[in-house]
Amino acid sequence: MTSVDLQPYSLVTVFPAVYDYKNCGTAAGTTTVQSFPGYLHAITMTQRAASGKIIIYDSAGTSGTVIGTITCGTQVFSDANTWLFDVRTLNGLTIANDANVGVTVSFGK
């Protein structure tokens, strides 16, 4: 049997993937998920309309940097769709959604 020299430190640290969630509903409006820096893991579409969109902001409101926009088209899927982002937010996290477009946000602090 050979021995393995294990280093006391690693460049990679593994943490369990545990995220909070916030359901942003299906009514048109704006939801501030976090008003401080954090981590956006994923956006899951829970109700997709034939038209409409979701705008994701790095901000505690809708005046900040746009992280991304998800636009609904004429193709309506029967299953929930999830978009992975895995990015840090510098100022907060806000979701603006159109009517009949529902999303759940997975995020960390």
PDB file of N, CA and C in Angstrom:
ATOM      1  N   MET A   1       0.852  -1.165   0.000  1.00  0.00           N
ATOM      2  CA  MET A   1       0.000   0.000   0.000  1.00  0.00           C
ATOM      3  C   MET A   1       0.900   1.231   0.000  1.00  0.00           C
ATOM      4  N   THR A   2       0.517   2.215  -0.801  1.00  0.00           N
ATOM      5  CA  THR A   2       1.290   3.445  -0.858  1.00  0.00           C
ATOM      6  C   THR A   2       0.613   4.506  -0.024  1.00  0.00           C
ATOM      7  N   SER A   3       1.413   5.418   0.468  1.00  0.00           N
ATOM      8  CA  SER A   3       0.833   6.504   1.252  1.00  0.00           C
ATOM      9  C   SER A   3       0.625   7.724   0.348  1.00  0.00           C
ATOM     10  N   VAL A   4      -0.339   8.520   0.713  1.00  0.00           N
ATOM     11  CA  VAL A   4      -0.649   9.725  -0.040  1.00  0.00           C
ATOM     12  C   VAL A   4      -0.359  10.916   0.843  1.00  0.00           C
ATOM     13  N   ASP A   5       0.390  11.863   0.299  1.00  0.00           N
ATOM     14  CA  ASP A   5       0.717  13.064   1.043  1.00  0.00           C
ATOM     15  C   ASP A   5      -0.405  14.077   0.842  1.00  0.00           C
ATOM     16  N   LEU A   6      -1.259  14.251   1.844  1.00  0.00           N
ATOM     17  CA  LEU A   6      -2.361  15.199   1.753  1.00  0.00           C
ATOM     18  C   LEU A   6      -1.906  16.558   2.266  1.00  0.00           C
ATOM     19  N   GLN A   7      -2.160  17.575   1.488  1.00  0.00           N
ATOM     20  CA  GLN A   7      -1.814  18.925   1.885  1.00  0.00           C
ATOM     21  C   GLN A   7      -2.845  19.438   2.883  1.00  0.00           C
ATOM     22  N   PRO A   8      -2.422  20.238   3.857  1.00  0.00           N
ATOM     23  CA  PRO A   8      -3.380  20.720   4.851  1.00  0.00           C
ATOM     24  C   PRO A   8      -4.354  21.762   4.310  1.00  0.00           C
ATOM     25  N   TYR A   9      -4.029  22.387   3.185  1.00  0.00           N
ATOM     26  CA  TYR A   9      -4.901  23.407   2.615  1.00  0.00           C
ATOM     27  C   TYR A   9      -5.229  23.060   1.171  1.00  0.00           C
ATOM     28  N   SER A  10      -6.381  23.465   0.754  1.00  0.00           N
ATOM     29  CA  SER A  10      -6.809  23.219  -0.614  1.00  0.00           C
ATOM     30  C   SER A  10      -7.203  24.546  -1.244  1.00  0.00           C
ATOM     31  N   LEU A  11      -6.992  24.683  -2.531  1.00  0.00           N
ATOM     32  CA  LEU A  11      -7.415  25.881  -3.242  1.00  0.00           C
ATOM     33  C   LEU A  11      -8.914  25.874  -3.492  1.00  0.00           C
ATOM     34  N   VAL A  12      -9.530  24.725  -3.362  1.00  0.00           N
ATOM     35  CA  VAL A  12     -10.960  24.588  -3.593  1.00  0.00           C
ATOM     36  C   VAL A  12     -11.646  24.295  -2.270  1.00  0.00           C
ATOM     37  N   THR A  13     -12.643  25.075  -1.949  1.00  0.00           N
ATOM     38  CA  THR A  13     -13.438  24.843  -0.754  1.00  0.00           C
ATOM     39  C   THR A  13     -14.833  24.446  -1.199  1.00  0.00           C
ATOM     40  N   VAL A  14     -15.342  23.368  -0.674  1.00  0.00           N
ATOM     41  CA  VAL A  14     -16.650  22.875  -1.076  1.00  0.00           C
ATOM     42  C   VAL A  14     -17.651  23.161   0.034  1.00  0.00           C
ATOM     43  N   PHE A  15     -18.727  23.835  -0.322  1.00  0.00           N
ATOM     44  CA  PHE A  15     -19.803  24.110   0.611  1.00  0.00           C
ATOM     45  C   PHE A  15     -21.058  23.398   0.131  1.00  0.00           C
ATOM     46  N   PRO A  16     -21.918  22.983   1.023  1.00  0.00           N
ATOM     47  CA  PRO A  16     -23.167  22.368   0.563  1.00  0.00           C
ATOM     48  C   PRO A  16     -24.003  23.412  -0.172  1.00  0.00           C
ATOM     49  N   ALA A  17     -24.651  22.986  -1.228  1.00  0.00           N
ATOM     50  CA  ALA A  17     -25.474  23.895  -2.024  1.00  0.00           C
ATOM     51  C   ALA A  17     -26.833  24.066  -1.356  1.00  0.00           C
ATOM     52  N   VAL A  18     -26.937  25.061  -0.503  1.00  0.00           N
ATOM     53  CA  VAL A  18     -28.179  25.351   0.203  1.00  0.00           C
ATOM     54  C   VAL A  18     -28.565  26.781  -0.143  1.00  0.00           C
ATOM     55  N   TYR A  19     -29.756  26.950  -0.702  1.00  0.00           N
ATOM     56  CA  TYR A  19     -30.202  28.263  -1.139  1.00  0.00           C
ATOM     57  C   TYR A  19     -31.561  28.578  -0.539  1.00  0.00           C
ATOM     58  N   ASP A  20     -31.817  29.858  -0.363  1.00  0.00           N
ATOM     59  CA  ASP A  20     -33.147  30.323  -0.002  1.00  0.00           C
ATOM     60  C   ASP A  20     -33.943  30.480  -1.296  1.00  0.00           C
ATOM     61  N   TYR A  21     -35.246  30.642  -1.175  1.00  0.00           N
ATOM     62  CA  TYR A  21     -36.056  30.854  -2.371  1.00  0.00           C
ATOM     63  C   TYR A  21     -37.095  31.929  -2.106  1.00  0.00           C
ATOM     64  N   LYS A  22     -37.529  32.547  -3.174  1.00  0.00           N
ATOM     65  CA  LYS A  22     -38.593  33.551  -3.108  1.00  0.00           C
ATOM     66  C   LYS A  22     -39.461  33.376  -4.338  1.00  0.00           C
ATOM     67  N   ASN A  23     -40.755  33.160  -4.129  1.00  0.00           N
ATOM     68  CA  ASN A  23     -41.691  33.067  -5.241  1.00  0.00           C
ATOM     69  C   ASN A  23     -42.174  34.476  -5.548  1.00  0.00           C
ATOM     70  N   CYS A  24     -42.024  34.888  -6.788  1.00  0.00           N
ATOM     71  CA  CYS A  24     -42.373  36.262  -7.186  1.00  0.00           C
ATOM     72  C   CYS A  24     -43.795  36.394  -7.694  1.00  0.00           C
ATOM     73  N   GLY A  25     -44.578  35.335  -7.613  1.00  0.00           N
ATOM     74  CA  GLY A  25     -45.982  35.413  -7.981  1.00  0.00           C
ATOM     75  C   GLY A  25     -46.204  35.532  -9.476  1.00  0.00           C
ATOM     76  N   THR A  26     -47.450  35.767  -9.872  1.00  0.00           N
ATOM     77  CA  THR A  26     -47.798  35.844 -11.291  1.00  0.00           C
ATOM     78  C   THR A  26     -48.429  37.176 -11.662  1.00  0.00           C
ATOM     79  N   ALA A  27     -48.566  38.081 -10.722  1.00  0.00           N
ATOM     80  CA  ALA A  27     -49.095  39.405 -11.045  1.00  0.00           C
ATOM     81  C   ALA A  27     -47.941  40.294 -11.502  1.00  0.00           C
ATOM     82  N   ALA A  28     -48.228  41.210 -12.402  1.00  0.00           N
ATOM     83  CA  ALA A  28     -47.185  42.138 -12.853  1.00  0.00           C
ATOM     84  C   ALA A  28     -46.699  42.954 -11.667  1.00  0.00           C
ATOM     85  N   GLY A  29     -45.388  43.074 -11.551  1.00  0.00           N
ATOM     86  CA  GLY A  29     -44.856  43.857 -10.444  1.00  0.00           C
ATOM     87  C   GLY A  29     -43.369  43.646 -10.252  1.00  0.00           C
ATOM     88  N   THR A  30     -42.883  44.201  -9.166  1.00  0.00           N
ATOM     89  CA  THR A  30     -41.466  44.151  -8.829  1.00  0.00           C
ATOM     90  C   THR A  30     -41.308  43.538  -7.454  1.00  0.00           C
ATOM     91  N   THR A  31     -40.376  42.605  -7.330  1.00  0.00           N
ATOM     92  CA  THR A  31     -40.085  41.962  -6.048  1.00  0.00           C
ATOM     93  C   THR A  31     -38.614  42.152  -5.723  1.00  0.00           C
ATOM     94  N   THR A  32     -38.322  42.812  -4.600  1.00  0.00           N
ATOM     95  CA  THR A  32     -36.939  42.905  -4.133  1.00  0.00           C
ATOM     96  C   THR A  32     -36.657  41.661  -3.312  1.00  0.00           C
ATOM     97  N   VAL A  33     -35.775  40.827  -3.819  1.00  0.00           N
ATOM     98  CA  VAL A  33     -35.431  39.567  -3.168  1.00  0.00           C
ATOM     99  C   VAL A  33     -34.411  39.815  -2.051  1.00  0.00           C
ATOM    100  N   GLN A  34     -33.407  40.649  -2.340  1.00  0.00           N
ATOM    101  CA  GLN A  34     -32.393  41.031  -1.357  1.00  0.00           C
ATOM    102  C   GLN A  34     -32.054  42.500  -1.554  1.00  0.00           C
ATOM    103  N   SER A  35     -31.810  43.209  -0.462  1.00  0.00           N
ATOM    104  CA  SER A  35     -31.415  44.610  -0.565  1.00  0.00           C
ATOM    105  C   SER A  35     -29.954  44.796  -0.178  1.00  0.00           C
ATOM    106  N   PHE A  36     -29.182  43.731  -0.274  1.00  0.00           N
ATOM    107  CA  PHE A  36     -27.758  43.731   0.081  1.00  0.00           C
ATOM    108  C   PHE A  36     -27.043  42.751  -0.842  1.00  0.00           C
ATOM    109  N   PRO A  37     -25.720  42.794  -0.904  1.00  0.00           N
ATOM    110  CA  PRO A  37     -24.998  41.862  -1.779  1.00  0.00           C
ATOM    111  C   PRO A  37     -25.325  40.407  -1.446  1.00  0.00           C
ATOM    112  N   GLY A  38     -25.350  39.571  -2.463  1.00  0.00           N
ATOM    113  CA  GLY A  38     -25.675  38.166  -2.261  1.00  0.00           C
ATOM    114  C   GLY A  38     -25.251  37.324  -3.440  1.00  0.00           C
ATOM    115  N   TYR A  39     -26.045  36.289  -3.702  1.00  0.00           N
ATOM    116  CA  TYR A  39     -25.692  35.308  -4.717  1.00  0.00           C
ATOM    117  C   TYR A  39     -26.965  34.845  -5.408  1.00  0.00           C
ATOM    118  N   LEU A  40     -27.015  35.003  -6.723  1.00  0.00           N
ATOM    119  CA  LEU A  40     -28.148  34.506  -7.513  1.00  0.00           C
ATOM    120  C   LEU A  40     -27.780  33.141  -8.065  1.00  0.00           C
ATOM    121  N   HIS A  41     -28.500  32.128  -7.618  1.00  0.00           N
ATOM    122  CA  HIS A  41     -28.240  30.774  -8.107  1.00  0.00           C
ATOM    123  C   HIS A  41     -29.044  30.483  -9.372  1.00  0.00           C
ATOM    124  N   ALA A  42     -30.374  30.600  -9.299  1.00  0.00           N
ATOM    125  CA  ALA A  42     -31.198  30.193 -10.439  1.00  0.00           C
ATOM    126  C   ALA A  42     -32.538  30.922 -10.438  1.00  0.00           C
ATOM    127  N   ILE A  43     -33.137  30.957 -11.621  1.00  0.00           N
ATOM    128  CA  ILE A  43     -34.502  31.448 -11.812  1.00  0.00           C
ATOM    129  C   ILE A  43     -35.294  30.292 -12.409  1.00  0.00           C
ATOM    130  N   THR A  44     -36.408  29.942 -11.772  1.00  0.00           N
ATOM    131  CA  THR A  44     -37.272  28.878 -12.285  1.00  0.00           C
ATOM    132  C   THR A  44     -38.607  29.484 -12.690  1.00  0.00           C
ATOM    133  N   MET A  45     -38.966  29.292 -13.934  1.00  0.00           N
ATOM    134  CA  MET A  45     -40.249  29.780 -14.440  1.00  0.00           C
ATOM    135  C   MET A  45     -41.320  28.807 -13.946  1.00  0.00           C
ATOM    136  N   THR A  46     -42.252  29.315 -13.154  1.00  0.00           N
ATOM    137  CA  THR A  46     -43.317  28.471 -12.615  1.00  0.00           C
ATOM    138  C   THR A  46     -44.620  28.642 -13.371  1.00  0.00           C
ATOM    139  N   GLN A  47     -44.754  29.767 -14.052  1.00  0.00           N
ATOM    140  CA  GLN A  47     -45.909  29.985 -14.924  1.00  0.00           C
ATOM    141  C   GLN A  47     -45.450  30.845 -16.087  1.00  0.00           C
ATOM    142  N   ARG A  48     -45.553  30.288 -17.273  1.00  0.00           N
ATOM    143  CA  ARG A  48     -45.084  30.972 -18.475  1.00  0.00           C
ATOM    144  C   ARG A  48     -46.292  31.431 -19.276  1.00  0.00           C
ATOM    145  N   ALA A  49     -46.244  32.686 -19.664  1.00  0.00           N
ATOM    146  CA  ALA A  49     -47.298  33.241 -20.510  1.00  0.00           C
ATOM    147  C   ALA A  49     -46.862  33.190 -21.970  1.00  0.00           C
ATOM    148  N   ALA A  50     -47.799  33.373 -22.875  1.00  0.00           N
ATOM    149  CA  ALA A  50     -47.463  33.373 -24.302  1.00  0.00           C
ATOM    150  C   ALA A  50     -46.606  34.578 -24.660  1.00  0.00           C
ATOM    151  N   SER A  51     -46.688  35.629 -23.853  1.00  0.00           N
ATOM    152  CA  SER A  51     -45.814  36.784 -24.040  1.00  0.00           C
ATOM    153  C   SER A  51     -45.532  37.360 -22.657  1.00  0.00           C
ATOM    154  N   GLY A  52     -44.496  38.126 -22.570  1.00  0.00           N
ATOM    155  CA  GLY A  52     -44.114  38.710 -21.293  1.00  0.00           C
ATOM    156  C   GLY A  52     -42.641  38.495 -21.043  1.00  0.00           C
ATOM    157  N   LYS A  53     -42.146  39.086 -19.962  1.00  0.00           N
ATOM    158  CA  LYS A  53     -40.730  38.939 -19.670  1.00  0.00           C
ATOM    159  C   LYS A  53     -40.451  39.114 -18.190  1.00  0.00           C
ATOM    160  N   ILE A  54     -39.237  38.717 -17.817  1.00  0.00           N
ATOM    161  CA  ILE A  54     -38.718  38.871 -16.470  1.00  0.00           C
ATOM    162  C   ILE A  54     -37.399  39.616 -16.619  1.00  0.00           C
ATOM    163  N   ILE A  55     -37.215  40.655 -15.830  1.00  0.00           N
ATOM    164  CA  ILE A  55     -35.943  41.375 -15.842  1.00  0.00           C
ATOM    165  C   ILE A  55     -35.310  41.205 -14.462  1.00  0.00           C
ATOM    166  N   ILE A  56     -34.039  40.820 -14.443  1.00  0.00           N
ATOM    167  CA  ILE A  56     -33.313  40.537 -13.204  1.00  0.00           C
ATOM    168  C   ILE A  56     -32.292  41.657 -12.998  1.00  0.00           C
ATOM    169  N   TYR A  57     -32.379  42.351 -11.858  1.00  0.00           N
ATOM    170  CA  TYR A  57     -31.529  43.498 -11.570  1.00  0.00           C
ATOM    171  C   TYR A  57     -30.554  43.210 -10.432  1.00  0.00           C
ATOM    172  N   ASP A  58     -29.341  43.718 -10.551  1.00  0.00           N
ATOM    173  CA  ASP A  58     -28.368  43.739  -9.455  1.00  0.00           C
ATOM    174  C   ASP A  58     -28.585  45.043  -8.708  1.00  0.00           C
ATOM    175  N   SER A  59     -29.630  45.068  -7.902  1.00  0.00           N
ATOM    176  CA  SER A  59     -30.034  46.297  -7.233  1.00  0.00           C
ATOM    177  C   SER A  59     -31.156  45.984  -6.253  1.00  0.00           C
ATOM    178  N   ALA A  60     -31.403  46.910  -5.342  1.00  0.00           N
ATOM    179  CA  ALA A  60     -32.544  46.786  -4.443  1.00  0.00           C
ATOM    180  C   ALA A  60     -33.778  47.416  -5.069  1.00  0.00           C
ATOM    181  N   GLY A  61     -33.719  47.716  -6.356  1.00  0.00           N
ATOM    182  CA  GLY A  61     -34.835  48.283  -7.110  1.00  0.00           C
ATOM    183  C   GLY A  61     -34.597  48.048  -8.588  1.00  0.00           C
ATOM    184  N   THR A  62     -35.321  48.768  -9.420  1.00  0.00           N
ATOM    185  CA  THR A  62     -35.201  48.552 -10.862  1.00  0.00           C
ATOM    186  C   THR A  62     -34.296  49.583 -11.542  1.00  0.00           C
ATOM    187  N   SER A  63     -33.479  50.279 -10.779  1.00  0.00           N
ATOM    188  CA  SER A  63     -32.599  51.280 -11.379  1.00  0.00           C
ATOM    189  C   SER A  63     -31.153  50.792 -11.496  1.00  0.00           C
ATOM    190  N   GLY A  64     -30.896  49.565 -11.140  1.00  0.00           N
ATOM    191  CA  GLY A  64     -29.535  49.046 -11.151  1.00  0.00           C
ATOM    192  C   GLY A  64     -29.159  48.363 -12.446  1.00  0.00           C
ATOM    193  N   THR A  65     -28.041  47.676 -12.404  1.00  0.00           N
ATOM    194  CA  THR A  65     -27.524  46.933 -13.547  1.00  0.00           C
ATOM    195  C   THR A  65     -28.422  45.740 -13.845  1.00  0.00           C
ATOM    196  N   VAL A  66     -28.738  45.535 -15.106  1.00  0.00           N
ATOM    197  CA  VAL A  66     -29.546  44.379 -15.509  1.00  0.00           C
ATOM    198  C   VAL A  66     -28.635  43.162 -15.607  1.00  0.00           C
ATOM    199  N   ILE A  67     -28.945  42.126 -14.846  1.00  0.00           N
ATOM    200  CA  ILE A  67     -28.206  40.863 -14.920  1.00  0.00           C
ATOM    201  C   ILE A  67     -28.664  40.086 -16.140  1.00  0.00           C
ATOM    202  N   GLY A  68     -29.959  40.087 -16.378  1.00  0.00           N
ATOM    203  CA  GLY A  68     -30.482  39.355 -17.522  1.00  0.00           C
ATOM    204  C   GLY A  68     -31.962  39.600 -17.718  1.00  0.00           C
ATOM    205  N   THR A  69     -32.432  39.241 -18.900  1.00  0.00           N
ATOM    206  CA  THR A  69     -33.844  39.332 -19.242  1.00  0.00           C
ATOM    207  C   THR A  69     -34.281  37.996 -19.839  1.00  0.00           C
ATOM    208  N   ILE A  70     -35.367  37.455 -19.342  1.00  0.00           N
ATOM    209  CA  ILE A  70     -35.934  36.223 -19.886  1.00  0.00           C
ATOM    210  C   ILE A  70     -37.256  36.610 -20.545  1.00  0.00           C
ATOM    211  N   THR A  71     -37.357  36.387 -21.839  1.00  0.00           N
ATOM    212  CA  THR A  71     -38.535  36.773 -22.600  1.00  0.00           C
ATOM    213  C   THR A  71     -39.330  35.535 -22.980  1.00  0.00           C
ATOM    214  N   CYS A  72     -40.620  35.560 -22.697  1.00  0.00           N
ATOM    215  CA  CYS A  72     -41.510  34.468 -23.080  1.00  0.00           C
ATOM    216  C   CYS A  72     -41.912  34.646 -24.534  1.00  0.00           C
ATOM    217  N   GLY A  73     -41.944  33.543 -25.252  1.00  0.00           N
ATOM    218  CA  GLY A  73     -42.356  33.595 -26.650  1.00  0.00           C
ATOM    219  C   GLY A  73     -43.673  32.894 -26.850  1.00  0.00           C
ATOM    220  N   THR A  74     -43.959  32.561 -28.080  1.00  0.00           N
ATOM    221  CA  THR A  74     -45.226  31.911 -28.390  1.00  0.00           C
ATOM    222  C   THR A  74     -45.226  30.434 -28.017  1.00  0.00           C
ATOM    223  N   GLN A  75     -44.044  29.856 -27.810  1.00  0.00           N
ATOM    224  CA  GLN A  75     -43.971  28.450 -27.415  1.00  0.00           C
ATOM    225  C   GLN A  75     -44.116  28.361 -25.901  1.00  0.00           C
ATOM    226  N   VAL A  76     -45.161  27.710 -25.450  1.00  0.00           N
ATOM    227  CA  VAL A  76     -45.421  27.569 -24.023  1.00  0.00           C
ATOM    228  C   VAL A  76     -45.057  26.153 -23.611  1.00  0.00           C
ATOM    229  N   PHE A  77     -44.119  26.032 -22.686  1.00  0.00           N
ATOM    230  CA  PHE A  77     -43.668  24.720 -22.219  1.00  0.00           C
ATOM    231  C   PHE A  77     -44.579  24.222 -21.112  1.00  0.00           C
ATOM    232  N   SER A  78     -44.734  22.920 -21.033  1.00  0.00           N
ATOM    233  CA  SER A  78     -45.591  22.354 -20.004  1.00  0.00           C
ATOM    234  C   SER A  78     -44.850  22.176 -18.688  1.00  0.00           C
ATOM    235  N   ASP A  79     -43.530  22.103 -18.724  1.00  0.00           N
ATOM    236  CA  ASP A  79     -42.744  21.918 -17.514  1.00  0.00           C
ATOM    237  C   ASP A  79     -42.067  23.227 -17.130  1.00  0.00           C
ATOM    238  N   ALA A  80     -41.681  23.320 -15.866  1.00  0.00           N
ATOM    239  CA  ALA A  80     -40.941  24.492 -15.401  1.00  0.00           C
ATOM    240  C   ALA A  80     -39.554  24.501 -16.033  1.00  0.00           C
ATOM    241  N   ASN A  81     -39.095  25.678 -16.390  1.00  0.00           N
ATOM    242  CA  ASN A  81     -37.753  25.848 -16.928  1.00  0.00           C
ATOM    243  C   ASN A  81     -36.905  26.540 -15.879  1.00  0.00           C
ATOM    244  N   THR A  82     -35.643  26.141 -15.774  1.00  0.00           N
ATOM    245  CA  THR A  82     -34.728  26.742 -14.823  1.00  0.00           C
ATOM    246  C   THR A  82     -33.500  27.256 -15.555  1.00  0.00           C
ATOM    247  N   TRP A  83     -33.145  28.500 -15.243  1.00  0.00           N
ATOM    248  CA  TRP A  83     -31.934  29.097 -15.794  1.00  0.00           C
ATOM    249  C   TRP A  83     -30.945  29.284 -14.655  1.00  0.00           C
ATOM    250  N   LEU A  84     -29.753  28.706 -14.800  1.00  0.00           N
ATOM    251  CA  LEU A  84     -28.705  28.842 -13.796  1.00  0.00           C
ATOM    252  C   LEU A  84     -27.882  30.089 -14.071  1.00  0.00           C
ATOM    253  N   PHE A  85     -27.633  30.856 -13.030  1.00  0.00           N
ATOM    254  CA  PHE A  85     -26.822  32.053 -13.153  1.00  0.00           C
ATOM    255  C   PHE A  85     -25.524  31.898 -12.354  1.00  0.00           C
ATOM    256  N   ASP A  86     -25.623  31.479 -11.096  1.00  0.00           N
ATOM    257  CA  ASP A  86     -24.462  31.311 -10.222  1.00  0.00           C
ATOM    258  C   ASP A  86     -23.534  32.519 -10.276  1.00  0.00           C
ATOM    259  N   VAL A  87     -24.087  33.679  -9.932  1.00  0.00           N
ATOM    260  CA  VAL A  87     -23.320  34.924  -9.915  1.00  0.00           C
ATOM    261  C   VAL A  87     -23.542  35.658  -8.604  1.00  0.00           C
ATOM    262  N   ARG A  88     -22.543  36.435  -8.226  1.00  0.00           N
ATOM    263  CA  ARG A  88     -22.670  37.303  -7.053  1.00  0.00           C
ATOM    264  C   ARG A  88     -23.363  38.594  -7.470  1.00  0.00           C
ATOM    265  N   THR A  89     -24.169  39.119  -6.586  1.00  0.00           N
ATOM    266  CA  THR A  89     -24.757  40.432  -6.808  1.00  0.00           C
ATOM    267  C   THR A  89     -24.042  41.415  -5.887  1.00  0.00           C
ATOM    268  N   LEU A  90     -23.815  42.599  -6.380  1.00  0.00           N
ATOM    269  CA  LEU A  90     -23.068  43.597  -5.609  1.00  0.00           C
ATOM    270  C   LEU A  90     -23.963  44.503  -4.779  1.00  0.00           C
ATOM    271  N   ASN A  91     -25.208  44.715  -5.240  1.00  0.00           N
ATOM    272  CA  ASN A  91     -26.076  45.703  -4.606  1.00  0.00           C
ATOM    273  C   ASN A  91     -27.414  45.177  -4.121  1.00  0.00           C
ATOM    274  N   GLY A  92     -27.763  43.971  -4.491  1.00  0.00           N
ATOM    275  CA  GLY A  92     -29.061  43.407  -4.136  1.00  0.00           C
ATOM    276  C   GLY A  92     -29.592  42.582  -5.292  1.00  0.00           C
ATOM    277  N   LEU A  93     -30.844  42.192  -5.200  1.00  0.00           N
ATOM    278  CA  LEU A  93     -31.457  41.362  -6.238  1.00  0.00           C
ATOM    279  C   LEU A  93     -32.934  41.697  -6.326  1.00  0.00           C
ATOM    280  N   THR A  94     -33.345  42.161  -7.508  1.00  0.00           N
ATOM    281  CA  THR A  94     -34.738  42.537  -7.739  1.00  0.00           C
ATOM    282  C   THR A  94     -35.226  41.877  -9.027  1.00  0.00           C
ATOM    283  N   ILE A  95     -36.463  41.396  -8.989  1.00  0.00           N
ATOM    284  CA  ILE A  95     -37.099  40.763 -10.143  1.00  0.00           C
ATOM    285  C   ILE A  95     -38.316  41.591 -10.539  1.00  0.00           C
ATOM    286  N   ALA A  96     -38.389  41.958 -11.809  1.00  0.00           N
ATOM    287  CA  ALA A  96     -39.577  42.626 -12.348  1.00  0.00           C
ATOM    288  C   ALA A  96     -40.209  41.657 -13.337  1.00  0.00           C
ATOM    289  N   ASN A  97     -41.489  41.336 -13.130  1.00  0.00           N
ATOM    290  CA  ASN A  97     -42.151  40.394 -14.036  1.00  0.00           C
ATOM    291  C   ASN A  97     -43.456  40.967 -14.560  1.00  0.00           C
ATOM    292  N   ASP A  98     -43.801  40.542 -15.786  1.00  0.00           N
ATOM    293  CA  ASP A  98     -45.061  40.944 -16.405  1.00  0.00           C
ATOM    294  C   ASP A  98     -46.197  40.073 -15.867  1.00  0.00           C
ATOM    295  N   ALA A  99     -47.416  40.450 -16.154  1.00  0.00           N
ATOM    296  CA  ALA A  99     -48.586  39.690 -15.721  1.00  0.00           C
ATOM    297  C   ALA A  99     -48.566  38.280 -16.289  1.00  0.00           C
ATOM    298  N   ASN A 100     -48.994  37.328 -15.499  1.00  0.00           N
ATOM    299  CA  ASN A 100     -49.102  35.912 -15.855  1.00  0.00           C
ATOM    300  C   ASN A 100     -47.758  35.219 -16.032  1.00  0.00           C
ATOM    301  N   VAL A 101     -46.667  35.869 -15.670  1.00  0.00           N
ATOM    302  CA  VAL A 101     -45.344  35.242 -15.724  1.00  0.00           C
ATOM    303  C   VAL A 101     -44.900  35.045 -14.273  1.00  0.00           C
ATOM    304  N   GLY A 102     -44.791  33.780 -13.870  1.00  0.00           N
ATOM    305  CA  GLY A 102     -44.420  33.482 -12.500  1.00  0.00           C
ATOM    306  C   GLY A 102     -43.031  32.886 -12.417  1.00  0.00           C
ATOM    307  N   VAL A 103     -42.261  33.298 -11.405  1.00  0.00           N
ATOM    308  CA  VAL A 103     -40.916  32.758 -11.222  1.00  0.00           C
ATOM    309  C   VAL A 103     -40.640  32.533  -9.742  1.00  0.00           C
ATOM    310  N   THR A 104     -39.737  31.592  -9.511  1.00  0.00           N
ATOM    311  CA  THR A 104     -39.175  31.388  -8.179  1.00  0.00           C
ATOM    312  C   THR A 104     -37.677  31.611  -8.296  1.00  0.00           C
ATOM    313  N   VAL A 105     -37.124  32.388  -7.392  1.00  0.00           N
ATOM    314  CA  VAL A 105     -35.709  32.731  -7.398  1.00  0.00           C
ATOM    315  C   VAL A 105     -35.012  31.923  -6.314  1.00  0.00           C
ATOM    316  N   SER A 106     -33.901  31.261  -6.666  1.00  0.00           N
ATOM    317  CA  SER A 106     -33.042  30.578  -5.691  1.00  0.00           C
ATOM    318  C   SER A 106     -31.824  31.463  -5.484  1.00  0.00           C
ATOM    319  N   PHE A 107     -31.547  31.818  -4.224  1.00  0.00           N
ATOM    320  CA  PHE A 107     -30.477  32.768  -3.955  1.00  0.00           C
ATOM    321  C   PHE A 107     -29.785  32.457  -2.629  1.00  0.00           C
ATOM    322  N   GLY A 108     -28.632  33.037  -2.456  1.00  0.00           N
ATOM    323  CA  GLY A 108     -27.882  32.872  -1.214  1.00  0.00           C
ATOM    324  C   GLY A 108     -27.489  34.224  -0.660  1.00  0.00           C
ATOM    325  N   LYS A 109     -27.029  34.210   0.585  1.00  0.00           N
ATOM    326  CA  LYS A 109     -26.655  35.465   1.254  1.00  0.00           C
ATOM    327  C   LYS A 109     -25.164  35.605   1.348  1.00  0.00           C
TER     328      LYS A 109
END
